[in-house]
Amino acid sequence: QVQLVESGGGLVQPGGSLRLSCVASGIMFSSRYAMGWYRQAPGKQRELVASIISGGSTNYANSVKGRFTIFRDNAKNTVYLQMNSLKPEDTAVYYCNAAIGTKGYWGQGTQVTVSS
């Protein structure tokens, strides 16, 4: 059974930084899997924030380019999202996603709140 567990969320002031982690279990973590971070703000649809695919290629939403970085450590079965220069509009629940074969898996989410 595949499980994804996110951590690292919290309350941070504008301009601050957070690093989110997503640990995968139940699978042999592999760089072949596409991993992504999504977020959902109240009253809005879930949106892709960043993704990393086979070979290490990354993709970012325009709103976070230059501020967020996605990277993975296959030895630790973990994918990270480093978030810098945070803005109030980054406030949302952040979800980890793994695309394995034809299936997609989600974590339970971690709340990020950017506020002074």
C-alpha atoms as a PDB file:
ATOM      1  CA  GLN A   1       0.000   0.000   0.000  1.00  0.00           C
ATOM      2  CA  VAL A   2       1.463   3.311  -1.104  1.00  0.00           C
ATOM      3  CA  GLN A   3       1.457   6.075   1.484  1.00  0.00           C
ATOM      4  CA  LEU A   4       2.676   9.642   1.212  1.00  0.00           C
ATOM      5  CA  VAL A   5       3.168  11.688   4.355  1.00  0.00           C
ATOM      6  CA  GLU A   6       3.823  15.417   4.172  1.00  0.00           C
ATOM      7  CA  SER A   7       5.384  17.549   6.861  1.00  0.00           C
ATOM      8  CA  GLY A   8       7.004  20.925   7.305  1.00  0.00           C
ATOM      9  CA  GLY A   9       4.050  23.245   7.035  1.00  0.00           C
ATOM     10  CA  GLY A  10       3.318  26.000   9.495  1.00  0.00           C
ATOM     11  CA  LEU A  11       2.898  29.704  10.025  1.00  0.00           C
ATOM     12  CA  VAL A  12       5.521  31.991   8.538  1.00  0.00           C
ATOM     13  CA  GLN A  13       5.810  35.720   7.978  1.00  0.00           C
ATOM     14  CA  PRO A  14       5.870  37.180   4.472  1.00  0.00           C
ATOM     15  CA  GLY A  15       9.366  36.882   3.031  1.00  0.00           C
ATOM     16  CA  GLY A  16      10.109  33.818   5.116  1.00  0.00           C
ATOM     17  CA  SER A  17      10.983  30.273   4.112  1.00  0.00           C
ATOM     18  CA  LEU A  18       9.700  26.771   4.702  1.00  0.00           C
ATOM     19  CA  ARG A  19      10.762  23.356   3.488  1.00  0.00           C
ATOM     20  CA  LEU A  20       8.093  20.756   2.945  1.00  0.00           C
ATOM     21  CA  SER A  21       8.907  17.052   2.943  1.00  0.00           C
ATOM     22  CA  CYS A  22       6.984  14.115   1.527  1.00  0.00           C
ATOM     23  CA  VAL A  23       8.045  10.649   2.573  1.00  0.00           C
ATOM     24  CA  ALA A  24       6.805   7.732   0.500  1.00  0.00           C
ATOM     25  CA  SER A  25       6.311   4.224   1.832  1.00  0.00           C
ATOM     26  CA  GLY A  26       5.017   1.036   0.314  1.00  0.00           C
ATOM     27  CA  ILE A  27       6.957   1.544  -2.893  1.00  0.00           C
ATOM     28  CA  MET A  28      10.509   1.282  -4.094  1.00  0.00           C
ATOM     29  CA  PHE A  29      11.162   4.968  -4.559  1.00  0.00           C
ATOM     30  CA  SER A  30      12.528   5.605  -7.979  1.00  0.00           C
ATOM     31  CA  SER A  31      13.487   8.545 -10.083  1.00  0.00           C
ATOM     32  CA  ARG A  32      11.209   7.045 -12.708  1.00  0.00           C
ATOM     33  CA  TYR A  33       8.212   8.235 -10.771  1.00  0.00           C
ATOM     34  CA  ALA A  34       6.854  11.673 -11.381  1.00  0.00           C
ATOM     35  CA  MET A  35       6.397  13.520  -8.107  1.00  0.00           C
ATOM     36  CA  GLY A  36       4.606  16.756  -7.588  1.00  0.00           C
ATOM     37  CA  TRP A  37       3.468  19.312  -5.078  1.00  0.00           C
ATOM     38  CA  TYR A  38      -0.004  20.777  -5.367  1.00  0.00           C
ATOM     39  CA  ARG A  39      -1.830  23.307  -3.260  1.00  0.00           C
ATOM     40  CA  GLN A  40      -5.398  24.240  -2.556  1.00  0.00           C
ATOM     41  CA  ALA A  41      -6.480  27.515  -1.034  1.00  0.00           C
ATOM     42  CA  PRO A  42      -9.943  27.988   0.487  1.00  0.00           C
ATOM     43  CA  GLY A  43     -12.562  28.345  -2.220  1.00  0.00           C
ATOM     44  CA  LYS A  44     -10.094  27.570  -4.998  1.00  0.00           C
ATOM     45  CA  GLN A  45      -9.256  24.554  -7.086  1.00  0.00           C
ATOM     46  CA  ARG A  46      -6.217  22.438  -6.403  1.00  0.00           C
ATOM     47  CA  GLU A  47      -3.321  23.582  -8.551  1.00  0.00           C
ATOM     48  CA  LEU A  48       0.066  22.218  -9.510  1.00  0.00           C
ATOM     49  CA  VAL A  49       2.908  24.053  -7.810  1.00  0.00           C
ATOM     50  CA  ALA A  50       5.931  22.043  -8.926  1.00  0.00           C
ATOM     51  CA  SER A  51       6.784  18.669 -10.371  1.00  0.00           C
ATOM     52  CA  ILE A  52       9.858  16.556 -10.950  1.00  0.00           C
ATOM     53  CA  ILE A  53       9.972  13.743 -13.475  1.00  0.00           C
ATOM     54  CA  SER A  54      12.290  11.036 -14.629  1.00  0.00           C
ATOM     55  CA  GLY A  55      15.728  12.427 -15.310  1.00  0.00           C
ATOM     56  CA  GLY A  56      15.246  15.236 -12.847  1.00  0.00           C
ATOM     57  CA  SER A  57      13.435  17.674 -15.074  1.00  0.00           C
ATOM     58  CA  THR A  58      11.350  20.123 -13.100  1.00  0.00           C
ATOM     59  CA  ASN A  59       8.346  22.265 -13.819  1.00  0.00           C
ATOM     60  CA  TYR A  60       6.921  25.169 -11.823  1.00  0.00           C
ATOM     61  CA  ALA A  61       3.811  27.249 -11.758  1.00  0.00           C
ATOM     62  CA  ASN A  62       4.543  30.778 -12.952  1.00  0.00           C
ATOM     63  CA  SER A  63       3.522  32.158  -9.586  1.00  0.00           C
ATOM     64  CA  VAL A  64       6.336  30.340  -7.775  1.00  0.00           C
ATOM     65  CA  LYS A  65       9.158  30.348 -10.326  1.00  0.00           C
ATOM     66  CA  GLY A  66      12.357  31.664  -8.829  1.00  0.00           C
ATOM     67  CA  ARG A  67      11.047  31.224  -5.279  1.00  0.00           C
ATOM     68  CA  PHE A  68      10.296  27.502  -4.918  1.00  0.00           C
ATOM     69  CA  THR A  69      12.515  24.523  -5.644  1.00  0.00           C
ATOM     70  CA  ILE A  70      11.460  20.890  -5.870  1.00  0.00           C
ATOM     71  CA  PHE A  71      14.042  18.160  -5.381  1.00  0.00           C
ATOM     72  CA  ARG A  72      14.152  14.517  -4.372  1.00  0.00           C
ATOM     73  CA  ASP A  73      16.335  12.138  -2.405  1.00  0.00           C
ATOM     74  CA  ASN A  74      15.653   8.636  -3.652  1.00  0.00           C
ATOM     75  CA  ALA A  75      17.755   7.079  -0.892  1.00  0.00           C
ATOM     76  CA  LYS A  76      15.374   8.606   1.659  1.00  0.00           C
ATOM     77  CA  ASN A  77      12.198   8.026  -0.351  1.00  0.00           C
ATOM     78  CA  THR A  78      11.564  11.720  -0.006  1.00  0.00           C
ATOM     79  CA  VAL A  79      10.650  14.647  -2.202  1.00  0.00           C
ATOM     80  CA  TYR A  80      11.030  18.201  -0.928  1.00  0.00           C
ATOM     81  CA  LEU A  81       9.664  21.629  -1.712  1.00  0.00           C
ATOM     82  CA  GLN A  82      11.892  24.496  -0.638  1.00  0.00           C
ATOM     83  CA  MET A  83       9.810  27.653  -0.458  1.00  0.00           C
ATOM     84  CA  ASN A  84      11.513  31.031  -0.193  1.00  0.00           C
ATOM     85  CA  SER A  85      10.243  34.605  -0.281  1.00  0.00           C
ATOM     86  CA  LEU A  86       6.823  33.417   0.764  1.00  0.00           C
ATOM     87  CA  LYS A  87       3.817  35.617   0.108  1.00  0.00           C
ATOM     88  CA  PRO A  88       0.366  35.695   1.701  1.00  0.00           C
ATOM     89  CA  GLU A  89      -1.064  34.302  -1.536  1.00  0.00           C
ATOM     90  CA  ASP A  90       0.992  31.139  -0.993  1.00  0.00           C
ATOM     91  CA  THR A  91      -1.284  30.275   1.915  1.00  0.00           C
ATOM     92  CA  ALA A  92      -2.900  26.912   1.199  1.00  0.00           C
ATOM     93  CA  VAL A  93      -2.906  23.243   2.043  1.00  0.00           C
ATOM     94  CA  TYR A  94      -0.010  21.652   0.192  1.00  0.00           C
ATOM     95  CA  TYR A  95      -0.322  18.101  -1.092  1.00  0.00           C
ATOM     96  CA  CYS A  96       2.258  15.656  -2.328  1.00  0.00           C
ATOM     97  CA  ASN A  97       1.436  13.540  -5.364  1.00  0.00           C
ATOM     98  CA  ALA A  98       3.101  10.485  -6.873  1.00  0.00           C
ATOM     99  CA  ALA A  99       2.336   9.183 -10.346  1.00  0.00           C
ATOM    100  CA  ILE A 100       3.223   5.500 -10.459  1.00  0.00           C
ATOM    101  CA  GLY A 101       2.229   3.652 -13.574  1.00  0.00           C
ATOM    102  CA  THR A 102      -1.357   4.565 -14.257  1.00  0.00           C
ATOM    103  CA  LYS A 103      -2.154   5.461 -10.653  1.00  0.00           C
ATOM    104  CA  GLY A 104      -1.885   8.665  -8.729  1.00  0.00           C
ATOM    105  CA  TYR A 105      -1.399   8.823  -4.988  1.00  0.00           C
ATOM    106  CA  TRP A 106      -1.941  11.718  -2.608  1.00  0.00           C
ATOM    107  CA  GLY A 107      -0.780  12.613   0.845  1.00  0.00           C
ATOM    108  CA  GLN A 108      -3.042  14.060   3.513  1.00  0.00           C
ATOM    109  CA  GLY A 109      -1.736  17.603   3.061  1.00  0.00           C
ATOM    110  CA  THR A 110       0.107  20.099   5.223  1.00  0.00           C
ATOM    111  CA  GLN A 111      -1.087  23.622   5.965  1.00  0.00           C
ATOM    112  CA  VAL A 112       1.082  26.578   5.022  1.00  0.00           C
ATOM    113  CA  THR A 113      -0.003  29.969   6.293  1.00  0.00           C
ATOM    114  CA  VAL A 114       1.859  33.132   5.333  1.00  0.00           C
ATOM    115  CA  SER A 115       0.817  36.022   7.508  1.00  0.00           C
ATOM    116  CA  SER A 116       2.250  38.815   9.599  1.00  0.00           C
END
